Amino acid sequence: MIDKIKNGLNKRKVKLFLVFLLCSSLAWFVSNLGEQYTNNATFDIYYGSTPDSLLLNSVSKRNIKVRLRASGFQFLMFGFKNKTVVVDLSELERRGSKYFVSPLTYRSQIENQLSKFITVVDMDRDTLFFNFQKLYRKKVPVIPKVTIDLDQNYLMDKSYTLLPDSITVIGPKKEIDTLKGISTQALVLPHTTTDVSKKLKLDLPGNLKNTKYSERSVTISAKIFRFSEKVFKVPVEVVNVPEGVEIRTFPEMASVLCRGRSSAIKELSVTDFVVTADYSSLRDKSENILELKLAKKPDSLNMVQLRENKVEFILKRQ
């Protein structure tokens, strides 16, 4: 029994010792973190804000070596693994055909990206050189691949529209010179009876690796309506008739088929149309057939057509 008590007391002493050891080690570690240290690091460089008129082909450096001073706490929080800093190329300088960023410029940029508690002791002092390719702009039309099939008794108001109907491409001359237009992805709308408004993605060429596009999609819009239909009998007017000659046509009236909105059809009258036959266009004077032409029609209609395109005639001498 006494031995068990002794063993229990010994175990407690060991546990207390380990707790005190852990606390003292932690205190020592925390105390050391507060000290100032100097350490080396390598930063990967990301080059940002490249001028719109230039394409970055190659750079003289992809990473940079630095020597930093900070407290142990700062080094612990900061970490150096895969650390990336940005060099802003809006401060790019040019001398002749060479583009560069001076050590003083990029050091200042990097220091601004670090904590105020971290000091840059030393850094690579190499000037950063860049090889650029000039970029060009070109405006190209959007080529629609759109099929809108209307249901029976429906019409489209004029034609569908694309917005925008052209885009700007920016890239190397050898790439954008191959572009004559940019097609949309295919769209088929069967049995359409309602207005259309859809966003269409552009079919951008995958082989133009260095070309950028002002738009990646366009919007197609169309007004669809149910139409009314009416046939007007319009007198045939023969023009360019020689003096002393009277012409009579058979038939004397031409049928004009109109399709449009009901409101537009109701407002029409025969006087809104003019059908002519040009006697001077007759090549063989022995013939007695003239071609008809719709010389006047209202703009409010979506479709106007002559049901017959020729008439017979007879001449009468006055």
C-alpha atoms as a PDB file:
ATOM      1  CA  MET A   1       0.000   0.000   0.000  1.00  0.00           C
ATOM      2  CA  ILE A   2       2.823   2.405   0.941  1.00  0.00           C
ATOM      3  CA  ASP A   3       4.634   1.518  -2.295  1.00  0.00           C
ATOM      4  CA  LYS A   4       1.584   2.467  -4.360  1.00  0.00           C
ATOM      5  CA  ILE A   5       1.396   5.853  -2.649  1.00  0.00           C
ATOM      6  CA  LYS A   6       5.116   6.475  -3.334  1.00  0.00           C
ATOM      7  CA  ASN A   7       4.674   5.542  -7.014  1.00  0.00           C
ATOM      8  CA  GLY A   8       1.724   7.929  -7.324  1.00  0.00           C
ATOM      9  CA  LEU A   9       3.692  10.794  -5.808  1.00  0.00           C
ATOM     10  CA  ASN A  10       6.636  10.124  -8.144  1.00  0.00           C
ATOM     11  CA  LYS A  11       4.335  10.224 -11.198  1.00  0.00           C
ATOM     12  CA  ARG A  12       2.912  13.565 -10.063  1.00  0.00           C
ATOM     13  CA  LYS A  13       6.411  14.980  -9.709  1.00  0.00           C
ATOM     14  CA  VAL A  14       7.270  13.850 -13.236  1.00  0.00           C
ATOM     15  CA  LYS A  15       4.126  15.449 -14.662  1.00  0.00           C
ATOM     16  CA  LEU A  16       4.789  18.709 -12.813  1.00  0.00           C
ATOM     17  CA  PHE A  17       8.352  18.723 -14.090  1.00  0.00           C
ATOM     18  CA  LEU A  18       7.201  18.225 -17.666  1.00  0.00           C
ATOM     19  CA  VAL A  19       4.648  21.045 -17.351  1.00  0.00           C
ATOM     20  CA  PHE A  20       7.285  23.442 -15.979  1.00  0.00           C
ATOM     21  CA  LEU A  21       9.701  22.383 -18.733  1.00  0.00           C
ATOM     22  CA  LEU A  22       7.090  23.012 -21.411  1.00  0.00           C
ATOM     23  CA  CYS A  23       6.211  26.427 -19.984  1.00  0.00           C
ATOM     24  CA  SER A  24       9.815  27.500 -19.737  1.00  0.00           C
ATOM     25  CA  SER A  25      10.523  26.307 -23.312  1.00  0.00           C
ATOM     26  CA  LEU A  26       7.514  28.210 -24.581  1.00  0.00           C
ATOM     27  CA  ALA A  27       8.588  31.345 -22.750  1.00  0.00           C
ATOM     28  CA  TRP A  28      12.081  31.022 -24.230  1.00  0.00           C
ATOM     29  CA  PHE A  29      10.655  30.529 -27.715  1.00  0.00           C
ATOM     30  CA  VAL A  30       8.352  33.558 -27.409  1.00  0.00           C
ATOM     31  CA  SER A  31      11.184  35.659 -26.056  1.00  0.00           C
ATOM     32  CA  ASN A  32      13.374  34.758 -29.032  1.00  0.00           C
ATOM     33  CA  LEU A  33      10.622  35.531 -31.521  1.00  0.00           C
ATOM     34  CA  GLY A  34      10.746  39.101 -30.344  1.00  0.00           C
ATOM     35  CA  GLU A  35      14.396  39.428 -31.367  1.00  0.00           C
ATOM     36  CA  GLN A  36      15.455  40.919 -34.731  1.00  0.00           C
ATOM     37  CA  TYR A  37      16.788  38.512 -37.385  1.00  0.00           C
ATOM     38  CA  THR A  38      18.169  38.762 -40.917  1.00  0.00           C
ATOM     39  CA  ASN A  39      17.269  36.160 -43.501  1.00  0.00           C
ATOM     40  CA  ASN A  40      17.549  35.528 -47.243  1.00  0.00           C
ATOM     41  CA  ALA A  41      14.580  34.931 -49.526  1.00  0.00           C
ATOM     42  CA  THR A  42      13.778  34.537 -53.206  1.00  0.00           C
ATOM     43  CA  PHE A  43      10.619  36.146 -54.597  1.00  0.00           C
ATOM     44  CA  ASP A  44       8.908  35.121 -57.816  1.00  0.00           C
ATOM     45  CA  ILE A  45       8.041  38.144 -59.968  1.00  0.00           C
ATOM     46  CA  TYR A  46       4.673  38.742 -61.608  1.00  0.00           C
ATOM     47  CA  TYR A  47       4.764  41.502 -64.229  1.00  0.00           C
ATOM     48  CA  GLY A  48       1.504  43.469 -64.192  1.00  0.00           C
ATOM     49  CA  SER A  49      -0.069  46.419 -66.046  1.00  0.00           C
ATOM     50  CA  THR A  50       1.552  45.613 -69.387  1.00  0.00           C
ATOM     51  CA  PRO A  51       0.840  48.460 -71.881  1.00  0.00           C
ATOM     52  CA  ASP A  52      -2.173  47.693 -74.107  1.00  0.00           C
ATOM     53  CA  SER A  53      -0.143  48.236 -77.278  1.00  0.00           C
ATOM     54  CA  LEU A  54       2.559  45.695 -76.347  1.00  0.00           C
ATOM     55  CA  LEU A  55       2.750  41.923 -75.865  1.00  0.00           C
ATOM     56  CA  LEU A  56       5.335  40.706 -73.337  1.00  0.00           C
ATOM     57  CA  ASN A  57       7.445  37.992 -75.000  1.00  0.00           C
ATOM     58  CA  SER A  58      10.333  37.530 -72.562  1.00  0.00           C
ATOM     59  CA  VAL A  59      11.946  39.054 -69.475  1.00  0.00           C
ATOM     60  CA  SER A  60      15.501  39.073 -68.119  1.00  0.00           C
ATOM     61  CA  LYS A  61      14.460  37.837 -64.640  1.00  0.00           C
ATOM     62  CA  ARG A  62      11.623  35.711 -63.291  1.00  0.00           C
ATOM     63  CA  ASN A  63      12.664  35.878 -59.627  1.00  0.00           C
ATOM     64  CA  ILE A  64      14.695  38.115 -57.381  1.00  0.00           C
ATOM     65  CA  LYS A  65      16.875  37.496 -54.320  1.00  0.00           C
ATOM     66  CA  VAL A  66      16.407  39.707 -51.259  1.00  0.00           C
ATOM     67  CA  ARG A  67      17.844  39.967 -47.760  1.00  0.00           C
ATOM     68  CA  LEU A  68      15.301  40.948 -45.104  1.00  0.00           C
ATOM     69  CA  ARG A  69      15.399  42.071 -41.470  1.00  0.00           C
ATOM     70  CA  ALA A  70      12.428  41.541 -39.163  1.00  0.00           C
ATOM     71  CA  SER A  71      11.424  40.078 -35.823  1.00  0.00           C
ATOM     72  CA  GLY A  72      10.960  36.359 -35.414  1.00  0.00           C
ATOM     73  CA  PHE A  73       7.220  36.971 -35.187  1.00  0.00           C
ATOM     74  CA  GLN A  74       7.203  38.716 -38.554  1.00  0.00           C
ATOM     75  CA  PHE A  75       9.233  35.986 -40.239  1.00  0.00           C
ATOM     76  CA  LEU A  76       6.890  33.376 -38.761  1.00  0.00           C
ATOM     77  CA  MET A  77       3.793  35.180 -40.045  1.00  0.00           C
ATOM     78  CA  PHE A  78       5.284  36.250 -43.357  1.00  0.00           C
ATOM     79  CA  GLY A  79       6.548  32.942 -44.688  1.00  0.00           C
ATOM     80  CA  PHE A  80       8.632  32.725 -47.853  1.00  0.00           C
ATOM     81  CA  LYS A  81       7.335  29.691 -49.707  1.00  0.00           C
ATOM     82  CA  ASN A  82       6.173  30.621 -53.228  1.00  0.00           C
ATOM     83  CA  LYS A  83       6.118  34.278 -52.299  1.00  0.00           C
ATOM     84  CA  THR A  84       5.226  36.417 -55.332  1.00  0.00           C
ATOM     85  CA  VAL A  85       5.716  40.158 -55.741  1.00  0.00           C
ATOM     86  CA  VAL A  86       4.334  42.392 -58.493  1.00  0.00           C
ATOM     87  CA  VAL A  87       6.441  44.640 -60.703  1.00  0.00           C
ATOM     88  CA  ASP A  88       4.174  47.259 -62.275  1.00  0.00           C
ATOM     89  CA  LEU A  89       5.104  47.846 -65.918  1.00  0.00           C
ATOM     90  CA  SER A  90       3.196  51.115 -66.059  1.00  0.00           C
ATOM     91  CA  GLU A  91       6.525  52.586 -64.862  1.00  0.00           C
ATOM     92  CA  LEU A  92       8.317  51.030 -67.829  1.00  0.00           C
ATOM     93  CA  GLU A  93      11.169  53.063 -69.340  1.00  0.00           C
ATOM     94  CA  ARG A  94      12.450  53.016 -72.897  1.00  0.00           C
ATOM     95  CA  ARG A  95      15.798  53.823 -74.425  1.00  0.00           C
ATOM     96  CA  GLY A  96      15.917  53.303 -78.160  1.00  0.00           C
ATOM     97  CA  SER A  97      14.385  49.893 -78.836  1.00  0.00           C
ATOM     98  CA  LYS A  98      15.042  48.609 -75.302  1.00  0.00           C
ATOM     99  CA  TYR A  99      12.449  48.536 -72.539  1.00  0.00           C
ATOM    100  CA  PHE A 100      13.540  48.318 -68.901  1.00  0.00           C
ATOM    101  CA  VAL A 101      12.705  48.940 -65.237  1.00  0.00           C
ATOM    102  CA  SER A 102      15.515  50.284 -63.048  1.00  0.00           C
ATOM    103  CA  PRO A 103      16.542  48.612 -59.739  1.00  0.00           C
ATOM    104  CA  LEU A 104      15.499  51.708 -57.802  1.00  0.00           C
ATOM    105  CA  THR A 105      11.986  51.573 -59.301  1.00  0.00           C
ATOM    106  CA  TYR A 106      11.245  47.897 -58.700  1.00  0.00           C
ATOM    107  CA  ARG A 107      12.858  47.950 -55.228  1.00  0.00           C
ATOM    108  CA  SER A 108      10.461  50.723 -54.224  1.00  0.00           C
ATOM    109  CA  GLN A 109       7.510  48.736 -55.605  1.00  0.00           C
ATOM    110  CA  ILE A 110       8.513  45.582 -53.716  1.00  0.00           C
ATOM    111  CA  GLU A 111       9.094  47.432 -50.440  1.00  0.00           C
ATOM    112  CA  ASN A 112       5.573  48.864 -50.683  1.00  0.00           C
ATOM    113  CA  GLN A 113       4.179  45.308 -50.863  1.00  0.00           C
ATOM    114  CA  LEU A 114       5.903  44.187 -47.648  1.00  0.00           C
ATOM    115  CA  SER A 115       4.830  44.790 -44.070  1.00  0.00           C
ATOM    116  CA  LYS A 116       6.100  48.016 -42.509  1.00  0.00           C
ATOM    117  CA  PHE A 117       7.767  45.833 -39.879  1.00  0.00           C
ATOM    118  CA  ILE A 118       9.953  44.126 -42.517  1.00  0.00           C
ATOM    119  CA  THR A 119      13.039  45.943 -43.824  1.00  0.00           C
ATOM    120  CA  VAL A 120      14.796  45.184 -47.108  1.00  0.00           C
ATOM    121  CA  VAL A 121      18.487  45.079 -46.252  1.00  0.00           C
ATOM    122  CA  ASP A 122      19.700  44.196 -49.721  1.00  0.00           C
ATOM    123  CA  MET A 123      18.330  43.133 -53.103  1.00  0.00           C
ATOM    124  CA  ASP A 124      19.483  42.186 -56.587  1.00  0.00           C
ATOM    125  CA  ARG A 125      20.553  45.299 -58.436  1.00  0.00           C
ATOM    126  CA  ASP A 126      20.124  44.075 -61.980  1.00  0.00           C
ATOM    127  CA  THR A 127      18.099  46.214 -64.368  1.00  0.00           C
ATOM    128  CA  LEU A 128      15.037  44.315 -65.618  1.00  0.00           C
ATOM    129  CA  PHE A 129      14.927  44.135 -69.430  1.00  0.00           C
ATOM    130  CA  PHE A 130      11.880  43.180 -71.523  1.00  0.00           C
ATOM    131  CA  ASN A 131      11.244  41.970 -75.036  1.00  0.00           C
ATOM    132  CA  PHE A 132       7.898  43.160 -76.409  1.00  0.00           C
ATOM    133  CA  GLN A 133       5.934  42.586 -79.581  1.00  0.00           C
ATOM    134  CA  LYS A 134       3.752  45.398 -80.944  1.00  0.00           C
ATOM    135  CA  LEU A 135      -0.001  44.819 -80.895  1.00  0.00           C
ATOM    136  CA  TYR A 136      -2.467  46.094 -83.499  1.00  0.00           C
ATOM    137  CA  ARG A 137      -6.203  46.839 -83.434  1.00  0.00           C
ATOM    138  CA  LYS A 138      -8.755  45.777 -85.994  1.00  0.00           C
ATOM    139  CA  LYS A 139     -12.540  46.012 -86.204  1.00  0.00           C
ATOM    140  CA  VAL A 140     -14.227  42.914 -87.632  1.00  0.00           C
ATOM    141  CA  PRO A 141     -17.910  42.161 -88.288  1.00  0.00           C
ATOM    142  CA  VAL A 142     -19.895  39.606 -86.321  1.00  0.00           C
ATOM    143  CA  ILE A 143     -21.173  36.871 -88.632  1.00  0.00           C
ATOM    144  CA  PRO A 144     -24.462  35.433 -87.334  1.00  0.00           C
ATOM    145  CA  LYS A 145     -25.208  31.732 -87.583  1.00  0.00           C
ATOM    146  CA  VAL A 146     -28.877  32.210 -86.802  1.00  0.00           C
ATOM    147  CA  THR A 147     -32.000  30.550 -88.202  1.00  0.00           C
ATOM    148  CA  ILE A 148     -35.384  31.844 -87.029  1.00  0.00           C
ATOM    149  CA  ASP A 149     -38.278  29.797 -88.412  1.00  0.00           C
ATOM    150  CA  LEU A 150     -41.581  31.608 -87.941  1.00  0.00           C
ATOM    151  CA  ASP A 151     -44.800  29.832 -87.133  1.00  0.00           C
ATOM    152  CA  GLN A 152     -47.702  30.107 -89.572  1.00  0.00           C
ATOM    153  CA  ASN A 153     -49.250  33.612 -89.804  1.00  0.00           C
ATOM    154  CA  TYR A 154     -46.274  35.252 -88.059  1.00  0.00           C
ATOM    155  CA  LEU A 155     -43.770  37.756 -89.430  1.00  0.00           C
ATOM    156  CA  MET A 156     -40.543  39.335 -88.258  1.00  0.00           C
ATOM    157  CA  ASP A 157     -40.492  43.119 -88.075  1.00  0.00           C
ATOM    158  CA  LYS A 158     -37.780  43.864 -90.670  1.00  0.00           C
ATOM    159  CA  SER A 159     -34.849  41.656 -89.613  1.00  0.00           C
ATOM    160  CA  TYR A 160     -33.160  40.589 -86.415  1.00  0.00           C
ATOM    161  CA  THR A 161     -30.389  42.775 -84.987  1.00  0.00           C
ATOM    162  CA  LEU A 162     -27.053  41.967 -83.389  1.00  0.00           C
ATOM    163  CA  LEU A 163     -25.643  44.151 -80.629  1.00  0.00           C
ATOM    164  CA  PRO A 164     -22.832  44.784 -81.179  1.00  0.00           C
ATOM    165  CA  ASP A 165     -22.632  43.892 -84.871  1.00  0.00           C
ATOM    166  CA  SER A 166     -18.819  44.175 -84.853  1.00  0.00           C
ATOM    167  CA  ILE A 167     -16.019  43.777 -82.304  1.00  0.00           C
ATOM    168  CA  THR A 168     -12.455  45.019 -81.859  1.00  0.00           C
ATOM    169  CA  VAL A 169      -9.593  42.512 -81.835  1.00  0.00           C
ATOM    170  CA  ILE A 170      -6.137  43.314 -80.462  1.00  0.00           C
ATOM    171  CA  GLY A 171      -3.157  41.157 -81.271  1.00  0.00           C
ATOM    172  CA  PRO A 172       0.002  40.623 -83.331  1.00  0.00           C
ATOM    173  CA  LYS A 173      -0.400  41.655 -86.971  1.00  0.00           C
ATOM    174  CA  LYS A 174       0.212  38.133 -88.317  1.00  0.00           C
ATOM    175  CA  GLU A 175      -2.666  36.838 -86.179  1.00  0.00           C
ATOM    176  CA  ILE A 176      -5.359  39.465 -86.676  1.00  0.00           C
ATOM    177  CA  ASP A 177      -4.673  39.774 -90.422  1.00  0.00           C
ATOM    178  CA  THR A 178      -6.200  36.294 -90.780  1.00  0.00           C
ATOM    179  CA  LEU A 179      -9.537  37.484 -89.335  1.00  0.00           C
ATOM    180  CA  LYS A 180     -12.261  38.583 -91.729  1.00  0.00           C
ATOM    181  CA  GLY A 181     -15.057  38.227 -89.180  1.00  0.00           C
ATOM    182  CA  ILE A 182     -16.089  36.430 -85.995  1.00  0.00           C
ATOM    183  CA  SER A 183     -18.961  33.946 -86.171  1.00  0.00           C
ATOM    184  CA  THR A 184     -21.550  33.396 -83.480  1.00  0.00           C
ATOM    185  CA  GLN A 185     -22.342  29.971 -82.174  1.00  0.00           C
ATOM    186  CA  ALA A 186     -25.217  28.360 -84.082  1.00  0.00           C
ATOM    187  CA  LEU A 187     -28.778  29.190 -83.015  1.00  0.00           C
ATOM    188  CA  VAL A 188     -31.936  27.593 -84.460  1.00  0.00           C
ATOM    189  CA  LEU A 189     -35.364  28.776 -83.267  1.00  0.00           C
ATOM    190  CA  PRO A 190     -38.237  26.720 -84.751  1.00  0.00           C
ATOM    191  CA  HIS A 191     -41.934  27.709 -84.762  1.00  0.00           C
ATOM    192  CA  THR A 192     -41.242  31.168 -83.347  1.00  0.00           C
ATOM    193  CA  THR A 193     -44.258  33.257 -82.265  1.00  0.00           C
ATOM    194  CA  THR A 194     -42.774  35.669 -79.677  1.00  0.00           C
ATOM    195  CA  ASP A 195     -40.109  38.357 -79.613  1.00  0.00           C
ATOM    196  CA  VAL A 196     -36.524  37.100 -79.498  1.00  0.00           C
ATOM    197  CA  SER A 197     -33.799  38.364 -77.164  1.00  0.00           C
ATOM    198  CA  LYS A 198     -30.915  35.989 -76.577  1.00  0.00           C
ATOM    199  CA  LYS A 199     -27.245  36.250 -75.723  1.00  0.00           C
ATOM    200  CA  LEU A 200     -25.032  34.397 -78.183  1.00  0.00           C
ATOM    201  CA  LYS A 201     -21.447  33.394 -77.470  1.00  0.00           C
ATOM    202  CA  LEU A 202     -18.901  34.164 -80.154  1.00  0.00           C
ATOM    203  CA  ASP A 203     -16.990  31.307 -81.743  1.00  0.00           C
ATOM    204  CA  LEU A 204     -13.530  32.695 -81.000  1.00  0.00           C
ATOM    205  CA  PRO A 205     -10.580  31.118 -82.853  1.00  0.00           C
ATOM    206  CA  GLY A 206      -8.552  28.896 -80.540  1.00  0.00           C
ATOM    207  CA  ASN A 207      -5.348  29.132 -82.570  1.00  0.00           C
ATOM    208  CA  LEU A 208      -4.840  32.880 -82.064  1.00  0.00           C
ATOM    209  CA  LYS A 209      -3.099  32.582 -78.713  1.00  0.00           C
ATOM    210  CA  ASN A 210      -2.044  36.210 -78.324  1.00  0.00           C
ATOM    211  CA  THR A 211      -5.199  37.914 -79.598  1.00  0.00           C
ATOM    212  CA  LYS A 212      -7.739  39.576 -77.302  1.00  0.00           C
ATOM    213  CA  TYR A 213     -11.364  40.408 -78.084  1.00  0.00           C
ATOM    214  CA  SER A 214     -13.465  43.376 -76.966  1.00  0.00           C
ATOM    215  CA  GLU A 215     -16.528  41.107 -76.657  1.00  0.00           C
ATOM    216  CA  ARG A 216     -17.082  37.398 -76.123  1.00  0.00           C
ATOM    217  CA  SER A 217     -20.825  37.425 -76.751  1.00  0.00           C
ATOM    218  CA  VAL A 218     -23.482  39.438 -78.564  1.00  0.00           C
ATOM    219  CA  THR A 219     -27.238  39.863 -78.150  1.00  0.00           C
ATOM    220  CA  ILE A 220     -29.671  38.939 -80.910  1.00  0.00           C
ATOM    221  CA  SER A 221     -33.060  40.676 -80.926  1.00  0.00           C
ATOM    222  CA  ALA A 222     -36.121  40.331 -83.154  1.00  0.00           C
ATOM    223  CA  LYS A 223     -39.698  41.599 -83.064  1.00  0.00           C
ATOM    224  CA  ILE A 224     -42.223  38.905 -83.995  1.00  0.00           C
ATOM    225  CA  PHE A 225     -45.920  39.578 -84.593  1.00  0.00           C
ATOM    226  CA  ARG A 226     -49.021  37.943 -85.999  1.00  0.00           C
ATOM    227  CA  PHE A 227     -49.752  39.483 -89.391  1.00  0.00           C
ATOM    228  CA  SER A 228     -52.853  40.478 -91.343  1.00  0.00           C
ATOM    229  CA  GLU A 229     -53.116  40.110 -95.096  1.00  0.00           C
ATOM    230  CA  LYS A 230     -54.987  42.043 -97.766  1.00  0.00           C
ATOM    231  CA  VAL A 231     -55.038  42.268-101.566  1.00  0.00           C
ATOM    232  CA  PHE A 232     -55.444  45.665-103.280  1.00  0.00           C
ATOM    233  CA  LYS A 233     -56.471  46.150-106.900  1.00  0.00           C
ATOM    234  CA  VAL A 234     -54.237  48.922-108.234  1.00  0.00           C
ATOM    235  CA  PRO A 235     -54.555  50.577-111.688  1.00  0.00           C
ATOM    236  CA  VAL A 236     -51.645  49.925-114.032  1.00  0.00           C
ATOM    237  CA  GLU A 237     -49.982  53.164-115.156  1.00  0.00           C
ATOM    238  CA  VAL A 238     -48.023  52.957-118.436  1.00  0.00           C
ATOM    239  CA  VAL A 239     -45.118  55.404-118.556  1.00  0.00           C
ATOM    240  CA  ASN A 240     -42.873  56.709-121.386  1.00  0.00           C
ATOM    241  CA  VAL A 241     -45.638  56.376-123.967  1.00  0.00           C
ATOM    242  CA  PRO A 242     -44.877  58.077-127.341  1.00  0.00           C
ATOM    243  CA  GLU A 243     -46.927  61.125-128.295  1.00  0.00           C
ATOM    244  CA  GLY A 244     -50.012  60.381-130.290  1.00  0.00           C
ATOM    245  CA  VAL A 245     -50.269  56.854-128.892  1.00  0.00           C
ATOM    246  CA  GLU A 246     -52.719  55.508-126.333  1.00  0.00           C
ATOM    247  CA  ILE A 247     -52.083  52.215-124.548  1.00  0.00           C
ATOM    248  CA  ARG A 248     -54.619  49.996-122.888  1.00  0.00           C
ATOM    249  CA  THR A 249     -53.504  47.082-120.701  1.00  0.00           C
ATOM    250  CA  PHE A 250     -55.179  43.750-120.025  1.00  0.00           C
ATOM    251  CA  PRO A 251     -55.915  43.536-117.205  1.00  0.00           C
ATOM    252  CA  GLU A 252     -56.146  47.201-116.297  1.00  0.00           C
ATOM    253  CA  MET A 253     -55.663  46.422-112.590  1.00  0.00           C
ATOM    254  CA  ALA A 254     -52.797  44.619-110.846  1.00  0.00           C
ATOM    255  CA  SER A 255     -53.198  42.657-107.615  1.00  0.00           C
ATOM    256  CA  VAL A 256     -50.905  43.788-104.782  1.00  0.00           C
ATOM    257  CA  LEU A 257     -50.581  41.444-101.803  1.00  0.00           C
ATOM    258  CA  CYS A 258     -49.775  43.140 -98.467  1.00  0.00           C
ATOM    259  CA  ARG A 259     -48.769  41.647 -95.138  1.00  0.00           C
ATOM    260  CA  GLY A 260     -48.198  43.563 -91.926  1.00  0.00           C
ATOM    261  CA  ARG A 261     -49.597  44.521 -88.578  1.00  0.00           C
ATOM    262  CA  SER A 262     -53.381  44.776 -88.433  1.00  0.00           C
ATOM    263  CA  SER A 263     -53.199  48.446 -87.466  1.00  0.00           C
ATOM    264  CA  ALA A 264     -51.031  49.225 -90.524  1.00  0.00           C
ATOM    265  CA  ILE A 265     -53.266  47.255 -92.936  1.00  0.00           C
ATOM    266  CA  LYS A 266     -56.405  49.095 -91.758  1.00  0.00           C
ATOM    267  CA  GLU A 267     -54.919  52.485 -92.608  1.00  0.00           C
ATOM    268  CA  LEU A 268     -54.093  51.583 -96.244  1.00  0.00           C
ATOM    269  CA  SER A 269     -55.891  52.637 -99.421  1.00  0.00           C
ATOM    270  CA  VAL A 270     -55.323  52.014-103.123  1.00  0.00           C
ATOM    271  CA  THR A 271     -53.693  55.442-103.485  1.00  0.00           C
ATOM    272  CA  ASP A 272     -50.808  54.253-101.298  1.00  0.00           C
ATOM    273  CA  PHE A 273     -49.621  52.089-104.207  1.00  0.00           C
ATOM    274  CA  VAL A 274     -48.420  52.835-107.737  1.00  0.00           C
ATOM    275  CA  VAL A 275     -47.923  50.074-110.315  1.00  0.00           C
ATOM    276  CA  THR A 276     -46.182  51.032-113.543  1.00  0.00           C
ATOM    277  CA  ALA A 277     -45.327  49.491-116.907  1.00  0.00           C
ATOM    278  CA  ASP A 278     -42.499  51.132-118.867  1.00  0.00           C
ATOM    279  CA  TYR A 279     -43.179  51.203-122.602  1.00  0.00           C
ATOM    280  CA  SER A 280     -39.592  52.329-123.352  1.00  0.00           C
ATOM    281  CA  SER A 281     -38.271  49.047-121.918  1.00  0.00           C
ATOM    282  CA  LEU A 282     -39.973  47.120-124.723  1.00  0.00           C
ATOM    283  CA  ARG A 283     -37.166  45.907-126.992  1.00  0.00           C
ATOM    284  CA  ASP A 284     -39.238  44.152-129.618  1.00  0.00           C
ATOM    285  CA  LYS A 285     -42.027  46.484-130.721  1.00  0.00           C
ATOM    286  CA  SER A 286     -43.869  43.538-132.203  1.00  0.00           C
ATOM    287  CA  GLU A 287     -44.469  42.131-128.725  1.00  0.00           C
ATOM    288  CA  ASN A 288     -47.500  43.117-126.704  1.00  0.00           C
ATOM    289  CA  ILE A 289     -46.367  42.290-123.174  1.00  0.00           C
ATOM    290  CA  LEU A 290     -45.031  44.775-120.599  1.00  0.00           C
ATOM    291  CA  GLU A 291     -43.359  44.023-117.283  1.00  0.00           C
ATOM    292  CA  LEU A 292     -44.934  45.489-114.154  1.00  0.00           C
ATOM    293  CA  LYS A 293     -43.107  47.354-111.429  1.00  0.00           C
ATOM    294  CA  LEU A 294     -44.271  48.392-107.970  1.00  0.00           C
ATOM    295  CA  ALA A 295     -43.172  52.028-108.054  1.00  0.00           C
ATOM    296  CA  LYS A 296     -44.688  53.120-104.753  1.00  0.00           C
ATOM    297  CA  LYS A 297     -45.547  51.293-101.543  1.00  0.00           C
ATOM    298  CA  PRO A 298     -45.944  52.191 -97.832  1.00  0.00           C
ATOM    299  CA  ASP A 299     -42.954  51.741 -95.523  1.00  0.00           C
ATOM    300  CA  SER A 300     -45.209  50.499 -92.726  1.00  0.00           C
ATOM    301  CA  LEU A 301     -45.681  47.077 -94.336  1.00  0.00           C
ATOM    302  CA  ASN A 302     -43.451  44.081 -93.849  1.00  0.00           C
ATOM    303  CA  MET A 303     -44.178  42.481 -97.195  1.00  0.00           C
ATOM    304  CA  VAL A 304     -45.610  43.863-100.429  1.00  0.00           C
ATOM    305  CA  GLN A 305     -45.581  41.954-103.709  1.00  0.00           C
ATOM    306  CA  LEU A 306     -47.270  41.918-107.090  1.00  0.00           C
ATOM    307  CA  ARG A 307     -49.303  38.822-107.777  1.00  0.00           C
ATOM    308  CA  GLU A 308     -48.633  39.174-111.504  1.00  0.00           C
ATOM    309  CA  ASN A 309     -45.545  40.687-113.060  1.00  0.00           C
ATOM    310  CA  LYS A 310     -46.671  41.138-116.694  1.00  0.00           C
ATOM    311  CA  VAL A 311     -49.637  42.543-118.616  1.00  0.00           C
ATOM    312  CA  GLU A 312     -50.710  42.486-122.232  1.00  0.00           C
ATOM    313  CA  PHE A 313     -51.473  45.703-124.036  1.00  0.00           C
ATOM    314  CA  ILE A 314     -52.856  47.134-127.251  1.00  0.00           C
ATOM    315  CA  LEU A 315     -51.939  50.412-128.975  1.00  0.00           C
ATOM    316  CA  LYS A 316     -54.393  53.004-130.196  1.00  0.00           C
ATOM    317  CA  ARG A 317     -53.337  55.805-132.511  1.00  0.00           C
ATOM    318  CA  GLN A 318     -54.897  59.109-131.608  1.00  0.00           C
END
